[in-house]
């Protein structure tokens, strides 16, 4: 089975991350021949996003987190995620 990795840059997203995560997880059954992996790239968040992402990753083996040391902008976060992603298909 192939893996689809969704690379998601995050910066101070604590208020919207739970809803985003639930919506993305609802997509998994629509990909019956693929495993859906979510790679969150924490772009130096300061609002607790980092802890929330770590909690999601601890609960869900389909979630991976990459923490950047400081905010570098969404383009750099996306590039870091693309470099780190291991899926067969990267979105």
N, C-alpha and C. Protein backbone atom coordinates (compact mmCIF):
# COMPACT_ATOMS: atom_id res chain seq x y z
N UNK A 1 0.84 -1.17 0.00
CA UNK A 1 0.00 0.00 0.00
C UNK A 1 0.89 1.24 0.00
N UNK A 2 0.57 2.20 -0.84
CA UNK A 2 1.35 3.44 -0.92
C UNK A 2 0.91 4.43 0.16
N UNK A 3 1.84 5.30 0.52
CA UNK A 3 1.57 6.31 1.54
C UNK A 3 1.44 7.68 0.89
N UNK A 4 0.38 8.39 1.26
CA UNK A 4 0.20 9.79 0.88
C UNK A 4 0.57 10.62 2.09
N UNK A 5 1.56 11.50 1.94
CA UNK A 5 1.97 12.38 3.03
C UNK A 5 1.47 13.79 2.74
N UNK A 6 0.69 14.32 3.66
CA UNK A 6 0.19 15.68 3.57
C UNK A 6 1.09 16.57 4.42
N UNK A 7 1.87 17.43 3.79
CA UNK A 7 2.77 18.33 4.49
C UNK A 7 2.01 19.59 4.86
N UNK A 8 1.99 19.92 6.16
CA UNK A 8 1.18 21.01 6.66
C UNK A 8 2.00 21.96 7.53
N UNK A 9 2.43 23.11 6.98
CA UNK A 9 3.14 24.09 7.81
C UNK A 9 2.19 24.69 8.85
N UNK A 10 2.69 24.93 10.06
CA UNK A 10 1.87 25.49 11.13
C UNK A 10 2.64 26.59 11.85
N UNK A 11 1.94 27.69 12.10
CA UNK A 11 2.50 28.77 12.93
C UNK A 11 1.38 29.35 13.76
N UNK A 12 1.44 29.16 15.06
CA UNK A 12 0.42 29.65 15.99
C UNK A 12 -1.00 29.26 15.53
N UNK A 13 -1.21 27.96 15.40
CA UNK A 13 -2.47 27.42 14.87
C UNK A 13 -3.29 26.66 15.91
N UNK A 14 -3.02 26.87 17.18
CA UNK A 14 -3.65 26.04 18.21
C UNK A 14 -5.19 26.07 18.15
N UNK A 15 -5.76 27.18 17.74
CA UNK A 15 -7.23 27.29 17.72
C UNK A 15 -7.87 26.49 16.59
N UNK A 16 -7.17 26.29 15.49
CA UNK A 16 -7.78 25.62 14.34
C UNK A 16 -7.27 24.20 14.11
N UNK A 17 -6.17 23.83 14.74
CA UNK A 17 -5.57 22.52 14.49
C UNK A 17 -6.48 21.34 14.82
N UNK A 18 -7.20 21.33 15.93
CA UNK A 18 -8.06 20.18 16.19
C UNK A 18 -9.09 19.94 15.09
N UNK A 19 -9.74 20.99 14.61
CA UNK A 19 -10.73 20.83 13.55
C UNK A 19 -10.07 20.40 12.24
N UNK A 20 -8.92 20.98 11.92
CA UNK A 20 -8.19 20.60 10.71
C UNK A 20 -7.81 19.12 10.76
N UNK A 21 -7.25 18.71 11.89
CA UNK A 21 -6.83 17.32 12.06
C UNK A 21 -8.02 16.37 11.86
N UNK A 22 -9.15 16.66 12.49
CA UNK A 22 -10.33 15.79 12.36
C UNK A 22 -10.81 15.72 10.91
N UNK A 23 -10.82 16.83 10.22
CA UNK A 23 -11.27 16.82 8.82
C UNK A 23 -10.34 16.02 7.93
N UNK A 24 -9.05 16.17 8.15
CA UNK A 24 -8.09 15.41 7.35
C UNK A 24 -8.21 13.92 7.65
N UNK A 25 -8.36 13.54 8.92
CA UNK A 25 -8.50 12.12 9.27
C UNK A 25 -9.75 11.52 8.64
N UNK A 26 -10.79 12.34 8.44
CA UNK A 26 -12.01 11.85 7.79
C UNK A 26 -11.77 11.52 6.32
N UNK A 27 -10.71 12.04 5.74
CA UNK A 27 -10.39 11.75 4.34
C UNK A 27 -9.79 10.36 4.15
N UNK A 28 -9.17 9.83 5.18
CA UNK A 28 -8.46 8.55 5.07
C UNK A 28 -9.29 7.43 4.45
N UNK A 29 -10.55 7.23 4.86
CA UNK A 29 -11.33 6.16 4.25
C UNK A 29 -11.60 6.37 2.75
N UNK A 30 -11.46 7.59 2.29
CA UNK A 30 -11.68 7.86 0.88
C UNK A 30 -10.47 7.48 0.02
N UNK A 31 -9.41 7.05 0.67
CA UNK A 31 -8.19 6.60 -0.02
C UNK A 31 -7.96 5.13 0.32
N UNK A 32 -8.82 4.23 -0.17
CA UNK A 32 -8.78 2.84 0.28
C UNK A 32 -7.48 2.10 -0.07
N UNK A 33 -6.74 2.56 -1.06
CA UNK A 33 -5.52 1.87 -1.47
C UNK A 33 -4.26 2.60 -1.01
N UNK A 34 -4.44 3.56 -0.11
CA UNK A 34 -3.32 4.36 0.37
C UNK A 34 -3.41 4.54 1.88
N UNK A 35 -2.26 4.76 2.50
CA UNK A 35 -2.20 5.15 3.90
C UNK A 35 -1.99 6.66 3.93
N UNK A 36 -2.79 7.35 4.71
CA UNK A 36 -2.66 8.80 4.82
C UNK A 36 -1.82 9.15 6.03
N UNK A 37 -0.76 9.92 5.78
CA UNK A 37 0.12 10.39 6.83
C UNK A 37 0.09 11.92 6.83
N UNK A 38 0.01 12.50 8.01
CA UNK A 38 0.01 13.96 8.12
C UNK A 38 1.34 14.38 8.74
N UNK A 39 2.08 15.18 8.01
CA UNK A 39 3.35 15.71 8.51
C UNK A 39 3.16 17.19 8.82
N UNK A 40 3.06 17.51 10.10
CA UNK A 40 2.94 18.89 10.53
C UNK A 40 4.34 19.47 10.71
N UNK A 41 4.57 20.65 10.16
CA UNK A 41 5.84 21.34 10.34
C UNK A 41 5.57 22.56 11.21
N UNK A 42 6.01 22.49 12.46
CA UNK A 42 5.82 23.59 13.40
C UNK A 42 6.88 24.64 13.10
N UNK A 43 6.43 25.79 12.62
CA UNK A 43 7.33 26.86 12.18
C UNK A 43 7.59 27.86 13.30
N UNK A 44 8.05 27.35 14.45
CA UNK A 44 8.40 28.23 15.57
C UNK A 44 7.21 28.81 16.30
N UNK A 45 6.12 28.09 16.37
CA UNK A 45 4.92 28.58 17.06
C UNK A 45 5.22 28.90 18.52
N UNK A 46 4.46 29.89 19.06
CA UNK A 46 4.64 30.32 20.44
C UNK A 46 3.36 30.20 21.26
N UNK A 47 2.33 29.59 20.70
CA UNK A 47 1.03 29.57 21.37
C UNK A 47 0.62 28.20 21.90
N UNK A 48 1.53 27.26 21.96
CA UNK A 48 1.20 25.91 22.42
C UNK A 48 0.95 24.94 21.28
N UNK A 49 1.06 25.41 20.04
CA UNK A 49 0.89 24.53 18.89
C UNK A 49 1.85 23.35 18.97
N UNK A 50 3.07 23.59 19.40
CA UNK A 50 4.06 22.53 19.48
C UNK A 50 3.61 21.39 20.38
N UNK A 51 3.05 21.72 21.55
CA UNK A 51 2.59 20.70 22.48
C UNK A 51 1.38 19.94 21.94
N UNK A 52 0.48 20.67 21.28
CA UNK A 52 -0.69 20.02 20.68
C UNK A 52 -0.25 19.04 19.59
N UNK A 53 0.70 19.45 18.75
CA UNK A 53 1.18 18.57 17.69
C UNK A 53 1.85 17.32 18.27
N UNK A 54 2.63 17.50 19.33
CA UNK A 54 3.26 16.35 19.97
C UNK A 54 2.22 15.40 20.56
N UNK A 55 1.14 15.95 21.10
CA UNK A 55 0.06 15.12 21.64
C UNK A 55 -0.62 14.33 20.53
N UNK A 56 -0.90 14.99 19.39
CA UNK A 56 -1.51 14.29 18.26
C UNK A 56 -0.61 13.17 17.77
N UNK A 57 0.69 13.45 17.67
CA UNK A 57 1.63 12.44 17.18
C UNK A 57 1.73 11.26 18.13
N UNK A 58 1.62 11.52 19.44
CA UNK A 58 1.69 10.45 20.42
C UNK A 58 0.45 9.55 20.36
N UNK A 59 -0.69 10.13 19.99
CA UNK A 59 -1.95 9.38 19.92
C UNK A 59 -2.16 8.68 18.59
N UNK A 60 -1.64 9.26 17.52
CA UNK A 60 -1.95 8.78 16.17
C UNK A 60 -0.66 8.47 15.42
N UNK A 61 -0.44 7.20 15.09
CA UNK A 61 0.79 6.84 14.38
C UNK A 61 0.87 7.40 12.96
N UNK A 62 -0.24 7.95 12.46
CA UNK A 62 -0.26 8.55 11.12
C UNK A 62 0.16 10.02 11.14
N UNK A 63 0.47 10.53 12.32
CA UNK A 63 0.88 11.93 12.46
C UNK A 63 2.37 11.98 12.78
N UNK A 64 3.09 12.81 12.02
CA UNK A 64 4.50 13.08 12.31
C UNK A 64 4.65 14.58 12.46
N UNK A 65 5.63 14.98 13.26
CA UNK A 65 5.85 16.40 13.52
C UNK A 65 7.32 16.74 13.32
N UNK A 66 7.55 17.82 12.65
CA UNK A 66 8.88 18.38 12.48
C UNK A 66 8.85 19.77 13.09
N UNK A 67 9.70 20.00 14.10
CA UNK A 67 9.75 21.30 14.78
C UNK A 67 10.93 22.10 14.26
N UNK A 68 10.67 23.30 13.75
CA UNK A 68 11.75 24.21 13.37
C UNK A 68 12.12 25.03 14.60
N UNK A 69 13.38 25.37 14.75
CA UNK A 69 13.87 26.07 15.93
C UNK A 69 13.27 27.46 16.09
N UNK A 70 12.96 28.11 14.97
CA UNK A 70 12.34 29.43 15.03
C UNK A 70 11.52 29.63 13.77
N UNK A 71 10.73 30.68 13.75
CA UNK A 71 9.89 30.97 12.60
C UNK A 71 10.74 31.36 11.41
N UNK A 72 10.52 30.64 10.33
CA UNK A 72 11.28 30.90 9.10
C UNK A 72 10.36 31.25 7.93
N UNK A 73 9.06 31.21 8.14
CA UNK A 73 8.11 31.50 7.06
C UNK A 73 7.56 30.21 6.47
N UNK A 74 6.34 30.31 5.93
CA UNK A 74 5.68 29.09 5.47
C UNK A 74 6.39 28.44 4.29
N UNK A 75 7.08 29.22 3.45
CA UNK A 75 7.80 28.63 2.33
C UNK A 75 8.93 27.73 2.82
N UNK A 76 9.70 28.21 3.79
CA UNK A 76 10.79 27.41 4.35
C UNK A 76 10.25 26.20 5.10
N UNK A 77 9.13 26.37 5.80
CA UNK A 77 8.52 25.25 6.53
C UNK A 77 8.03 24.19 5.55
N UNK A 78 7.43 24.62 4.47
CA UNK A 78 6.96 23.68 3.45
C UNK A 78 8.14 22.94 2.82
N UNK A 79 9.20 23.65 2.51
CA UNK A 79 10.39 23.02 1.93
C UNK A 79 10.99 22.01 2.89
N UNK A 80 11.07 22.37 4.17
CA UNK A 80 11.59 21.43 5.17
C UNK A 80 10.72 20.18 5.23
N UNK A 81 9.41 20.37 5.18
CA UNK A 81 8.49 19.23 5.19
C UNK A 81 8.67 18.35 3.97
N UNK A 82 8.84 18.96 2.81
CA UNK A 82 9.05 18.17 1.59
C UNK A 82 10.35 17.38 1.69
N UNK A 83 11.38 17.96 2.28
CA UNK A 83 12.65 17.27 2.44
C UNK A 83 12.54 16.11 3.45
N UNK A 84 11.70 16.26 4.46
CA UNK A 84 11.56 15.29 5.53
C UNK A 84 10.57 14.17 5.20
N UNK A 85 9.59 14.47 4.32
CA UNK A 85 8.51 13.53 4.01
C UNK A 85 9.06 12.25 3.37
N UNK A 86 8.45 11.15 3.73
CA UNK A 86 8.87 9.85 3.22
C UNK A 86 7.81 9.14 2.39
N UNK A 87 6.66 9.77 2.19
CA UNK A 87 5.57 9.14 1.48
C UNK A 87 5.88 8.90 0.00
N UNK A 88 5.08 8.01 -0.59
CA UNK A 88 5.19 7.75 -2.02
C UNK A 88 4.62 8.91 -2.82
N UNK A 89 3.60 9.54 -2.24
CA UNK A 89 2.95 10.71 -2.84
C UNK A 89 2.98 11.81 -1.79
N UNK A 90 3.49 12.97 -2.14
CA UNK A 90 3.60 14.07 -1.18
C UNK A 90 2.76 15.23 -1.66
N UNK A 91 1.87 15.68 -0.79
CA UNK A 91 0.96 16.78 -1.13
C UNK A 91 1.25 17.94 -0.20
